[in-house]
Amino acid sequence: MSTVWAKTRITLEMIKWEHSIFALPFALTGALLAAHGLPPLRTLLWILVAMVSARSAAMAFNRWADATLDAANPRTRTRAIPAGLLSQGFVLAFTLIMITIFLIACGELNWLTLELSPVVLVVLLGYSYMKRVTRWSHLVLGLALGLAPSAAWIAVRGSLDWRIALLTLIVTCWVAGFDILYACQDMEHDREAGLFSVPQALGLDAAFWIARFLHLGVVLLLGCFAALFQFGVAGYLGIVVVAMLLLYEHSLVSPRDLRRLNAAFFTMNGVIAMVFLVFVAADLWLKR
């Protein structure tokens, strides 16, 4: 029993399940907007199952695909596979189980969700190999999380509205921006290992400017998104708060000081995602 619990704990740590807070609020935002309020409980539950299983599959597959690279990187060599805490076979089996649960959840939602599920899996699993071929892998990671609101909309409506696709673009830019910042700490290792990233290719200063540009684009696109969905005062206030949080996030780190990178990456981005969801939910409630 203790062995099962230990493996469960290590697996949860490996997939960083608590970081579901990055994408889940945007999925819930898409669901709320699609339903003009709270969607049916059954639909909401299957959306949660699909989100958690898809993200778990993506994280586990990334650890499996990057096991050799992680072992060579001082920052990541203590991860479960290179540290010998989990075998590659176990992690691959866990990935396949999560994919199966994801496909079941999609089938329980509607036909279009199931039909598009392979596309989602290609993006989620394909990201793990992007650093081997392009410096813009950050955008693929952004798209992997950015699909969440559009997927949730489809789960509720059974069709796609181009307006919610704008939120996919917004989340893509948001995630790509903070992933570029996060990649700064691996710049030297990426160069030595022959991996690609914006910091590796262009240096820290350029990486920071690109991240700032992407996050400025997020704020501007959020204004367009608010207009498309006819947000009220609460919705626009949420955008102002998100802009202030992004500004604060960028104040925590600089090309010369990456010490607070984890605070900027994990804490602030989780807060930003939740803040946006809360203000959109409040806006919808006030309109009723």
C-alpha atoms as a PDB file:
ATOM      1  CA  MET A   1       0.000   0.000   0.000  1.00  0.00           C
ATOM      2  CA  SER A   2       2.836   2.361   0.871  1.00  0.00           C
ATOM      3  CA  THR A   3       4.452   1.646  -2.515  1.00  0.00           C
ATOM      4  CA  VAL A   4       1.227   2.531  -4.335  1.00  0.00           C
ATOM      5  CA  TRP A   5       0.898   5.750  -2.358  1.00  0.00           C
ATOM      6  CA  ALA A   6       4.546   6.643  -2.997  1.00  0.00           C
ATOM      7  CA  LYS A   7       4.158   6.098  -6.749  1.00  0.00           C
ATOM      8  CA  THR A   8       0.946   8.115  -6.756  1.00  0.00           C
ATOM      9  CA  ARG A   9       2.636  10.997  -4.951  1.00  0.00           C
ATOM     10  CA  ILE A  10       5.629  10.938  -7.294  1.00  0.00           C
ATOM     11  CA  THR A  11       3.359  10.782 -10.348  1.00  0.00           C
ATOM     12  CA  LEU A  12       1.320  13.777  -9.174  1.00  0.00           C
ATOM     13  CA  GLU A  13       4.546  15.668  -8.583  1.00  0.00           C
ATOM     14  CA  MET A  14       5.822  14.663 -12.031  1.00  0.00           C
ATOM     15  CA  ILE A  15       2.770  15.986 -13.865  1.00  0.00           C
ATOM     16  CA  LYS A  16       2.561  19.097 -11.635  1.00  0.00           C
ATOM     17  CA  TRP A  17      -1.194  18.590 -11.296  1.00  0.00           C
ATOM     18  CA  GLU A  18      -1.550  21.833  -9.346  1.00  0.00           C
ATOM     19  CA  HIS A  19      -0.508  23.762 -12.459  1.00  0.00           C
ATOM     20  CA  SER A  20      -3.831  22.830 -14.049  1.00  0.00           C
ATOM     21  CA  ILE A  21      -4.836  26.227 -12.695  1.00  0.00           C
ATOM     22  CA  PHE A  22      -3.131  27.783 -15.744  1.00  0.00           C
ATOM     23  CA  ALA A  23      -5.520  26.348 -18.338  1.00  0.00           C
ATOM     24  CA  LEU A  24      -8.557  25.278 -16.334  1.00  0.00           C
ATOM     25  CA  PRO A  25      -9.881  28.809 -15.608  1.00  0.00           C
ATOM     26  CA  PHE A  26      -9.820  29.618 -19.324  1.00  0.00           C
ATOM     27  CA  ALA A  27     -11.650  26.379 -20.127  1.00  0.00           C
ATOM     28  CA  LEU A  28     -14.280  27.302 -17.561  1.00  0.00           C
ATOM     29  CA  THR A  29     -14.462  30.796 -19.049  1.00  0.00           C
ATOM     30  CA  GLY A  30     -15.204  29.287 -22.457  1.00  0.00           C
ATOM     31  CA  ALA A  31     -17.856  27.042 -20.936  1.00  0.00           C
ATOM     32  CA  LEU A  32     -19.533  29.929 -19.069  1.00  0.00           C
ATOM     33  CA  LEU A  33     -19.620  32.130 -22.164  1.00  0.00           C
ATOM     34  CA  ALA A  34     -20.980  29.304 -24.317  1.00  0.00           C
ATOM     35  CA  ALA A  35     -23.787  28.606 -21.834  1.00  0.00           C
ATOM     36  CA  HIS A  36     -24.409  32.280 -20.991  1.00  0.00           C
ATOM     37  CA  GLY A  37     -23.912  31.204 -17.406  1.00  0.00           C
ATOM     38  CA  LEU A  38     -23.355  27.858 -15.717  1.00  0.00           C
ATOM     39  CA  PRO A  39     -23.506  24.890 -18.130  1.00  0.00           C
ATOM     40  CA  PRO A  40     -25.253  21.633 -17.126  1.00  0.00           C
ATOM     41  CA  LEU A  41     -23.415  19.895 -14.286  1.00  0.00           C
ATOM     42  CA  ARG A  42     -22.850  16.736 -16.335  1.00  0.00           C
ATOM     43  CA  THR A  43     -21.207  18.744 -19.127  1.00  0.00           C
ATOM     44  CA  LEU A  44     -19.099  20.670 -16.651  1.00  0.00           C
ATOM     45  CA  LEU A  45     -17.868  17.494 -14.976  1.00  0.00           C
ATOM     46  CA  TRP A  46     -16.859  15.881 -18.272  1.00  0.00           C
ATOM     47  CA  ILE A  47     -15.063  19.089 -19.304  1.00  0.00           C
ATOM     48  CA  LEU A  48     -13.073  18.894 -16.067  1.00  0.00           C
ATOM     49  CA  VAL A  49     -12.266  15.219 -16.670  1.00  0.00           C
ATOM     50  CA  ALA A  50     -11.166  15.966 -20.245  1.00  0.00           C
ATOM     51  CA  MET A  51      -9.032  18.928 -19.165  1.00  0.00           C
ATOM     52  CA  VAL A  52      -7.255  17.159 -16.314  1.00  0.00           C
ATOM     53  CA  SER A  53      -6.654  13.933 -18.257  1.00  0.00           C
ATOM     54  CA  ALA A  54      -5.409  15.756 -21.367  1.00  0.00           C
ATOM     55  CA  ARG A  55      -3.010  17.890 -19.365  1.00  0.00           C
ATOM     56  CA  SER A  56      -1.808  14.882 -17.348  1.00  0.00           C
ATOM     57  CA  ALA A  57      -1.140  12.956 -20.567  1.00  0.00           C
ATOM     58  CA  ALA A  58       0.779  15.891 -22.030  1.00  0.00           C
ATOM     59  CA  MET A  59       2.939  16.381 -18.933  1.00  0.00           C
ATOM     60  CA  ALA A  60       3.704  12.679 -18.523  1.00  0.00           C
ATOM     61  CA  PHE A  61       4.551  12.297 -22.215  1.00  0.00           C
ATOM     62  CA  ASN A  62       6.843  15.328 -21.989  1.00  0.00           C
ATOM     63  CA  ARG A  63       8.722  13.749 -19.083  1.00  0.00           C
ATOM     64  CA  TRP A  64       8.977  10.481 -21.028  1.00  0.00           C
ATOM     65  CA  ALA A  65      10.172  12.154 -24.234  1.00  0.00           C
ATOM     66  CA  ASP A  66      12.653  14.421 -22.424  1.00  0.00           C
ATOM     67  CA  ALA A  67      14.061  11.866 -19.977  1.00  0.00           C
ATOM     68  CA  THR A  68      17.551  11.883 -21.525  1.00  0.00           C
ATOM     69  CA  LEU A  69      17.599  15.672 -21.873  1.00  0.00           C
ATOM     70  CA  ASP A  70      16.397  16.098 -18.291  1.00  0.00           C
ATOM     71  CA  ALA A  71      19.194  13.856 -17.027  1.00  0.00           C
ATOM     72  CA  ALA A  72      21.771  16.152 -18.653  1.00  0.00           C
ATOM     73  CA  ASN A  73      20.295  19.383 -17.268  1.00  0.00           C
ATOM     74  CA  PRO A  74      21.290  20.305 -13.673  1.00  0.00           C
ATOM     75  CA  ARG A  75      17.894  21.979 -13.157  1.00  0.00           C
ATOM     76  CA  THR A  76      15.880  18.901 -14.199  1.00  0.00           C
ATOM     77  CA  ARG A  77      18.024  15.894 -13.373  1.00  0.00           C
ATOM     78  CA  THR A  78      16.086  15.339 -10.130  1.00  0.00           C
ATOM     79  CA  ARG A  79      12.839  14.727 -12.021  1.00  0.00           C
ATOM     80  CA  ALA A  80      11.190  11.345 -11.549  1.00  0.00           C
ATOM     81  CA  ILE A  81      12.615   9.414 -14.532  1.00  0.00           C
ATOM     82  CA  PRO A  82      16.259  10.599 -14.490  1.00  0.00           C
ATOM     83  CA  ALA A  83      16.285  10.256 -10.685  1.00  0.00           C
ATOM     84  CA  GLY A  84      15.115   6.637 -11.010  1.00  0.00           C
ATOM     85  CA  LEU A  85      11.893   7.212  -9.070  1.00  0.00           C
ATOM     86  CA  LEU A  86       9.674   6.128 -11.977  1.00  0.00           C
ATOM     87  CA  SER A  87      10.486   3.978 -15.003  1.00  0.00           C
ATOM     88  CA  GLN A  88       9.906   5.150 -18.571  1.00  0.00           C
ATOM     89  CA  GLY A  89       7.561   2.196 -19.059  1.00  0.00           C
ATOM     90  CA  PHE A  90       5.423   3.251 -16.110  1.00  0.00           C
ATOM     91  CA  VAL A  91       5.242   6.861 -17.315  1.00  0.00           C
ATOM     92  CA  LEU A  92       4.322   5.789 -20.855  1.00  0.00           C
ATOM     93  CA  ALA A  93       1.595   3.497 -19.505  1.00  0.00           C
ATOM     94  CA  PHE A  94       0.257   6.354 -17.372  1.00  0.00           C
ATOM     95  CA  THR A  95       0.214   8.556 -20.493  1.00  0.00           C
ATOM     96  CA  LEU A  96      -1.823   5.984 -22.427  1.00  0.00           C
ATOM     97  CA  ILE A  97      -4.300   5.647 -19.550  1.00  0.00           C
ATOM     98  CA  MET A  98      -4.770   9.435 -19.433  1.00  0.00           C
ATOM     99  CA  ILE A  99      -5.280   9.544 -23.216  1.00  0.00           C
ATOM    100  CA  THR A 100      -7.947   6.840 -22.920  1.00  0.00           C
ATOM    101  CA  ILE A 101      -9.766   8.779 -20.186  1.00  0.00           C
ATOM    102  CA  PHE A 102      -9.544  11.944 -22.311  1.00  0.00           C
ATOM    103  CA  LEU A 103     -11.096  10.191 -25.321  1.00  0.00           C
ATOM    104  CA  ILE A 104     -13.889   8.754 -23.162  1.00  0.00           C
ATOM    105  CA  ALA A 105     -14.623  12.219 -21.770  1.00  0.00           C
ATOM    106  CA  CYS A 106     -14.733  13.692 -25.288  1.00  0.00           C
ATOM    107  CA  GLY A 107     -17.139  10.969 -26.383  1.00  0.00           C
ATOM    108  CA  GLU A 108     -19.398  11.731 -23.423  1.00  0.00           C
ATOM    109  CA  LEU A 109     -19.572  15.413 -24.394  1.00  0.00           C
ATOM    110  CA  ASN A 110     -20.563  15.421 -28.082  1.00  0.00           C
ATOM    111  CA  TRP A 111     -19.560  14.106 -31.476  1.00  0.00           C
ATOM    112  CA  LEU A 112     -17.568  17.165 -32.587  1.00  0.00           C
ATOM    113  CA  THR A 113     -15.523  17.114 -29.385  1.00  0.00           C
ATOM    114  CA  LEU A 114     -14.624  13.471 -30.018  1.00  0.00           C
ATOM    115  CA  GLU A 115     -13.933  14.126 -33.704  1.00  0.00           C
ATOM    116  CA  LEU A 116     -11.466  16.924 -32.888  1.00  0.00           C
ATOM    117  CA  SER A 117      -9.792  15.110 -29.990  1.00  0.00           C
ATOM    118  CA  PRO A 118      -6.950  13.684 -32.163  1.00  0.00           C
ATOM    119  CA  VAL A 119      -6.060  17.218 -33.251  1.00  0.00           C
ATOM    120  CA  VAL A 120      -5.814  18.253 -29.599  1.00  0.00           C
ATOM    121  CA  LEU A 121      -3.608  15.256 -28.822  1.00  0.00           C
ATOM    122  CA  VAL A 122      -1.269  16.036 -31.721  1.00  0.00           C
ATOM    123  CA  VAL A 123      -0.733  19.546 -30.341  1.00  0.00           C
ATOM    124  CA  LEU A 124      -0.398  18.418 -26.723  1.00  0.00           C
ATOM    125  CA  LEU A 125       2.003  15.561 -27.375  1.00  0.00           C
ATOM    126  CA  GLY A 126       3.777  17.185 -30.309  1.00  0.00           C
ATOM    127  CA  TYR A 127       4.948  20.067 -28.148  1.00  0.00           C
ATOM    128  CA  SER A 128       7.454  17.754 -26.442  1.00  0.00           C
ATOM    129  CA  TYR A 129       9.524  17.608 -29.637  1.00  0.00           C
ATOM    130  CA  MET A 130       9.282  21.255 -30.700  1.00  0.00           C
ATOM    131  CA  LYS A 131      12.425  22.424 -28.887  1.00  0.00           C
ATOM    132  CA  ARG A 132      14.347  20.035 -31.108  1.00  0.00           C
ATOM    133  CA  VAL A 133      13.217  21.772 -34.312  1.00  0.00           C
ATOM    134  CA  THR A 134      12.233  25.406 -33.703  1.00  0.00           C
ATOM    135  CA  ARG A 135      12.955  28.347 -31.402  1.00  0.00           C
ATOM    136  CA  TRP A 136       9.208  29.107 -31.392  1.00  0.00           C
ATOM    137  CA  SER A 137       8.202  26.047 -29.387  1.00  0.00           C
ATOM    138  CA  HIS A 138       6.806  28.529 -26.842  1.00  0.00           C
ATOM    139  CA  LEU A 139       3.944  29.264 -29.235  1.00  0.00           C
ATOM    140  CA  VAL A 140       3.111  25.567 -29.518  1.00  0.00           C
ATOM    141  CA  LEU A 141       2.956  25.326 -25.730  1.00  0.00           C
ATOM    142  CA  GLY A 142       0.756  28.405 -25.772  1.00  0.00           C
ATOM    143  CA  LEU A 143      -1.559  26.781 -28.300  1.00  0.00           C
ATOM    144  CA  ALA A 144      -1.704  23.604 -26.184  1.00  0.00           C
ATOM    145  CA  LEU A 145      -3.194  25.619 -23.323  1.00  0.00           C
ATOM    146  CA  GLY A 146      -4.987  28.043 -25.618  1.00  0.00           C
ATOM    147  CA  LEU A 147      -7.149  25.294 -27.076  1.00  0.00           C
ATOM    148  CA  ALA A 148      -8.885  24.960 -23.695  1.00  0.00           C
ATOM    149  CA  PRO A 149     -11.521  27.740 -24.045  1.00  0.00           C
ATOM    150  CA  SER A 150     -12.408  26.793 -27.631  1.00  0.00           C
ATOM    151  CA  ALA A 151     -12.606  23.120 -26.680  1.00  0.00           C
ATOM    152  CA  ALA A 152     -14.882  23.928 -23.734  1.00  0.00           C
ATOM    153  CA  TRP A 153     -17.116  26.029 -25.997  1.00  0.00           C
ATOM    154  CA  ILE A 154     -17.448  23.100 -28.398  1.00  0.00           C
ATOM    155  CA  ALA A 155     -18.160  20.796 -25.457  1.00  0.00           C
ATOM    156  CA  VAL A 156     -21.113  22.991 -24.453  1.00  0.00           C
ATOM    157  CA  ARG A 157     -22.443  24.074 -27.867  1.00  0.00           C
ATOM    158  CA  GLY A 158     -21.382  21.267 -30.196  1.00  0.00           C
ATOM    159  CA  SER A 159     -20.060  23.917 -32.594  1.00  0.00           C
ATOM    160  CA  LEU A 160     -17.312  26.557 -32.712  1.00  0.00           C
ATOM    161  CA  ASP A 161     -17.866  30.324 -32.647  1.00  0.00           C
ATOM    162  CA  TRP A 162     -14.974  32.326 -34.117  1.00  0.00           C
ATOM    163  CA  ARG A 163     -15.250  34.808 -31.234  1.00  0.00           C
ATOM    164  CA  ILE A 164     -14.062  32.244 -28.684  1.00  0.00           C
ATOM    165  CA  ALA A 165     -11.137  31.432 -31.000  1.00  0.00           C
ATOM    166  CA  LEU A 166      -9.854  34.911 -30.133  1.00  0.00           C
ATOM    167  CA  LEU A 167      -9.485  33.750 -26.520  1.00  0.00           C
ATOM    168  CA  THR A 168      -7.435  30.828 -27.818  1.00  0.00           C
ATOM    169  CA  LEU A 169      -5.110  33.344 -29.491  1.00  0.00           C
ATOM    170  CA  ILE A 170      -4.975  35.413 -26.284  1.00  0.00           C
ATOM    171  CA  VAL A 171      -4.041  32.423 -24.110  1.00  0.00           C
ATOM    172  CA  THR A 172      -1.493  31.311 -26.723  1.00  0.00           C
ATOM    173  CA  CYS A 173       0.275  34.691 -26.545  1.00  0.00           C
ATOM    174  CA  TRP A 174       0.006  34.815 -22.747  1.00  0.00           C
ATOM    175  CA  VAL A 175       1.530  31.355 -22.249  1.00  0.00           C
ATOM    176  CA  ALA A 176       4.194  31.859 -24.931  1.00  0.00           C
ATOM    177  CA  GLY A 177       5.270  35.079 -23.237  1.00  0.00           C
ATOM    178  CA  PHE A 178       5.785  33.577 -19.812  1.00  0.00           C
ATOM    179  CA  ASP A 179       7.328  30.394 -21.258  1.00  0.00           C
ATOM    180  CA  ILE A 180       9.933  32.535 -23.021  1.00  0.00           C
ATOM    181  CA  LEU A 181      10.792  34.079 -19.648  1.00  0.00           C
ATOM    182  CA  TYR A 182      10.928  30.652 -18.020  1.00  0.00           C
ATOM    183  CA  ALA A 183      13.242  29.341 -20.757  1.00  0.00           C
ATOM    184  CA  CYS A 184      15.795  32.034 -19.913  1.00  0.00           C
ATOM    185  CA  GLN A 185      17.124  29.916 -17.047  1.00  0.00           C
ATOM    186  CA  ASP A 186      17.995  27.093 -19.486  1.00  0.00           C
ATOM    187  CA  MET A 187      19.611  29.273 -22.154  1.00  0.00           C
ATOM    188  CA  GLU A 188      23.161  27.943 -21.735  1.00  0.00           C
ATOM    189  CA  HIS A 189      22.042  24.328 -21.396  1.00  0.00           C
ATOM    190  CA  ASP A 190      19.894  24.603 -24.531  1.00  0.00           C
ATOM    191  CA  ARG A 191      22.876  25.900 -26.502  1.00  0.00           C
ATOM    192  CA  GLU A 192      25.074  23.057 -25.312  1.00  0.00           C
ATOM    193  CA  ALA A 193      22.402  20.417 -25.943  1.00  0.00           C
ATOM    194  CA  GLY A 194      21.472  21.718 -29.406  1.00  0.00           C
ATOM    195  CA  LEU A 195      17.949  22.653 -28.350  1.00  0.00           C
ATOM    196  CA  PHE A 196      16.070  25.692 -29.616  1.00  0.00           C
ATOM    197  CA  SER A 197      14.343  28.509 -27.748  1.00  0.00           C
ATOM    198  CA  VAL A 198      13.978  32.258 -28.083  1.00  0.00           C
ATOM    199  CA  PRO A 199      16.543  32.960 -25.310  1.00  0.00           C
ATOM    200  CA  GLN A 200      18.961  30.433 -26.813  1.00  0.00           C
ATOM    201  CA  ALA A 201      18.654  31.972 -30.283  1.00  0.00           C
ATOM    202  CA  LEU A 202      18.353  35.685 -29.494  1.00  0.00           C
ATOM    203  CA  GLY A 203      19.692  36.193 -25.972  1.00  0.00           C
ATOM    204  CA  LEU A 204      18.096  37.339 -22.725  1.00  0.00           C
ATOM    205  CA  ASP A 205      17.446  40.973 -23.630  1.00  0.00           C
ATOM    206  CA  ALA A 206      15.609  40.115 -26.848  1.00  0.00           C
ATOM    207  CA  ALA A 207      13.699  37.330 -25.085  1.00  0.00           C
ATOM    208  CA  PHE A 208      12.409  39.755 -22.472  1.00  0.00           C
ATOM    209  CA  TRP A 209      11.298  42.259 -25.115  1.00  0.00           C
ATOM    210  CA  ILE A 210       9.455  39.566 -27.081  1.00  0.00           C
ATOM    211  CA  ALA A 211       7.700  38.405 -23.890  1.00  0.00           C
ATOM    212  CA  ARG A 212       6.689  42.016 -23.145  1.00  0.00           C
ATOM    213  CA  PHE A 213       5.381  42.457 -26.686  1.00  0.00           C
ATOM    214  CA  LEU A 214       3.321  39.267 -26.436  1.00  0.00           C
ATOM    215  CA  HIS A 215       1.805  40.305 -23.118  1.00  0.00           C
ATOM    216  CA  LEU A 216       1.020  43.778 -24.426  1.00  0.00           C
ATOM    217  CA  GLY A 217      -0.781  42.015 -27.273  1.00  0.00           C
ATOM    218  CA  VAL A 218      -2.712  39.983 -24.699  1.00  0.00           C
ATOM    219  CA  VAL A 219      -4.089  43.144 -23.081  1.00  0.00           C
ATOM    220  CA  LEU A 220      -5.036  44.712 -26.430  1.00  0.00           C
ATOM    221  CA  LEU A 221      -6.691  41.512 -27.662  1.00  0.00           C
ATOM    222  CA  LEU A 222      -8.600  41.196 -24.387  1.00  0.00           C
ATOM    223  CA  GLY A 223     -10.124  44.590 -25.145  1.00  0.00           C
ATOM    224  CA  CYS A 224     -11.297  43.288 -28.533  1.00  0.00           C
ATOM    225  CA  PHE A 225     -12.584  40.109 -26.888  1.00  0.00           C
ATOM    226  CA  ALA A 226     -14.560  42.135 -24.356  1.00  0.00           C
ATOM    227  CA  ALA A 227     -16.172  44.140 -27.152  1.00  0.00           C
ATOM    228  CA  LEU A 228     -17.128  41.009 -29.092  1.00  0.00           C
ATOM    229  CA  PHE A 229     -18.866  39.509 -26.068  1.00  0.00           C
ATOM    230  CA  GLN A 230     -20.281  42.852 -24.949  1.00  0.00           C
ATOM    231  CA  PHE A 231     -18.661  42.802 -21.527  1.00  0.00           C
ATOM    232  CA  GLY A 232     -19.978  45.169 -18.890  1.00  0.00           C
ATOM    233  CA  VAL A 233     -18.092  47.074 -16.235  1.00  0.00           C
ATOM    234  CA  ALA A 234     -17.012  43.925 -14.377  1.00  0.00           C
ATOM    235  CA  GLY A 235     -15.499  42.373 -17.507  1.00  0.00           C
ATOM    236  CA  TYR A 236     -13.508  45.473 -18.420  1.00  0.00           C
ATOM    237  CA  LEU A 237     -12.402  45.876 -14.811  1.00  0.00           C
ATOM    238  CA  GLY A 238     -11.076  42.323 -14.985  1.00  0.00           C
ATOM    239  CA  ILE A 239      -8.962  43.232 -18.004  1.00  0.00           C
ATOM    240  CA  VAL A 240      -7.510  46.207 -16.124  1.00  0.00           C
ATOM    241  CA  VAL A 241      -6.594  43.926 -13.207  1.00  0.00           C
ATOM    242  CA  VAL A 242      -5.030  41.370 -15.564  1.00  0.00           C
ATOM    243  CA  ALA A 243      -2.962  44.149 -17.179  1.00  0.00           C
ATOM    244  CA  MET A 244      -1.741  45.311 -13.768  1.00  0.00           C
ATOM    245  CA  LEU A 245      -0.830  41.753 -12.760  1.00  0.00           C
ATOM    246  CA  LEU A 246       1.103  41.231 -15.991  1.00  0.00           C
ATOM    247  CA  LEU A 247       2.974  44.465 -15.364  1.00  0.00           C
ATOM    248  CA  TYR A 248       3.789  43.324 -11.838  1.00  0.00           C
ATOM    249  CA  GLU A 249       4.902  39.923 -13.157  1.00  0.00           C
ATOM    250  CA  HIS A 250       7.418  41.598 -15.463  1.00  0.00           C
ATOM    251  CA  SER A 251       8.673  43.769 -12.603  1.00  0.00           C
ATOM    252  CA  LEU A 252       9.710  40.641 -10.685  1.00  0.00           C
ATOM    253  CA  VAL A 253      12.411  39.600 -13.148  1.00  0.00           C
ATOM    254  CA  SER A 254      14.883  41.152 -15.549  1.00  0.00           C
ATOM    255  CA  PRO A 255      17.584  39.861 -17.925  1.00  0.00           C
ATOM    256  CA  ARG A 256      20.074  40.499 -15.110  1.00  0.00           C
ATOM    257  CA  ASP A 257      18.008  39.040 -12.264  1.00  0.00           C
ATOM    258  CA  LEU A 258      16.097  35.767 -12.656  1.00  0.00           C
ATOM    259  CA  ARG A 259      15.947  34.935  -8.954  1.00  0.00           C
ATOM    260  CA  ARG A 260      12.184  35.452  -8.668  1.00  0.00           C
ATOM    261  CA  LEU A 261      11.372  33.646 -11.908  1.00  0.00           C
ATOM    262  CA  ASN A 262       9.397  30.893 -10.179  1.00  0.00           C
ATOM    263  CA  ALA A 263       7.218  33.456  -8.408  1.00  0.00           C
ATOM    264  CA  ALA A 264       6.565  35.239 -11.713  1.00  0.00           C
ATOM    265  CA  PHE A 265       5.933  32.004 -13.608  1.00  0.00           C
ATOM    266  CA  PHE A 266       3.875  29.900 -11.204  1.00  0.00           C
ATOM    267  CA  THR A 267       2.252  32.178  -8.650  1.00  0.00           C
ATOM    268  CA  MET A 268       1.385  35.202 -10.774  1.00  0.00           C
ATOM    269  CA  ASN A 269       0.143  33.281 -13.806  1.00  0.00           C
ATOM    270  CA  GLY A 270      -2.138  31.155 -11.657  1.00  0.00           C
ATOM    271  CA  VAL A 271      -3.534  34.340 -10.134  1.00  0.00           C
ATOM    272  CA  ILE A 272      -4.019  35.943 -13.559  1.00  0.00           C
ATOM    273  CA  ALA A 273      -5.986  32.966 -14.884  1.00  0.00           C
ATOM    274  CA  MET A 274      -8.248  32.862 -11.824  1.00  0.00           C
ATOM    275  CA  VAL A 275      -8.795  36.629 -11.821  1.00  0.00           C
ATOM    276  CA  PHE A 276      -9.963  36.571 -15.426  1.00  0.00           C
ATOM    277  CA  LEU A 277     -12.408  33.726 -14.732  1.00  0.00           C
ATOM    278  CA  VAL A 278     -13.841  35.463 -11.648  1.00  0.00           C
ATOM    279  CA  PHE A 279     -14.438  38.762 -13.451  1.00  0.00           C
ATOM    280  CA  VAL A 280     -16.021  37.095 -16.501  1.00  0.00           C
ATOM    281  CA  ALA A 281     -18.291  35.053 -14.206  1.00  0.00           C
ATOM    282  CA  ALA A 282     -19.214  38.230 -12.333  1.00  0.00           C
ATOM    283  CA  ASP A 283     -19.958  40.010 -15.589  1.00  0.00           C
ATOM    284  CA  LEU A 284     -22.277  37.227 -16.734  1.00  0.00           C
ATOM    285  CA  TRP A 285     -24.019  37.147 -13.347  1.00  0.00           C
ATOM    286  CA  LEU A 286     -24.603  40.909 -13.363  1.00  0.00           C
ATOM    287  CA  LYS A 287     -26.240  40.690 -16.781  1.00  0.00           C
ATOM    288  CA  ARG A 288     -28.857  38.172 -15.637  1.00  0.00           C
END
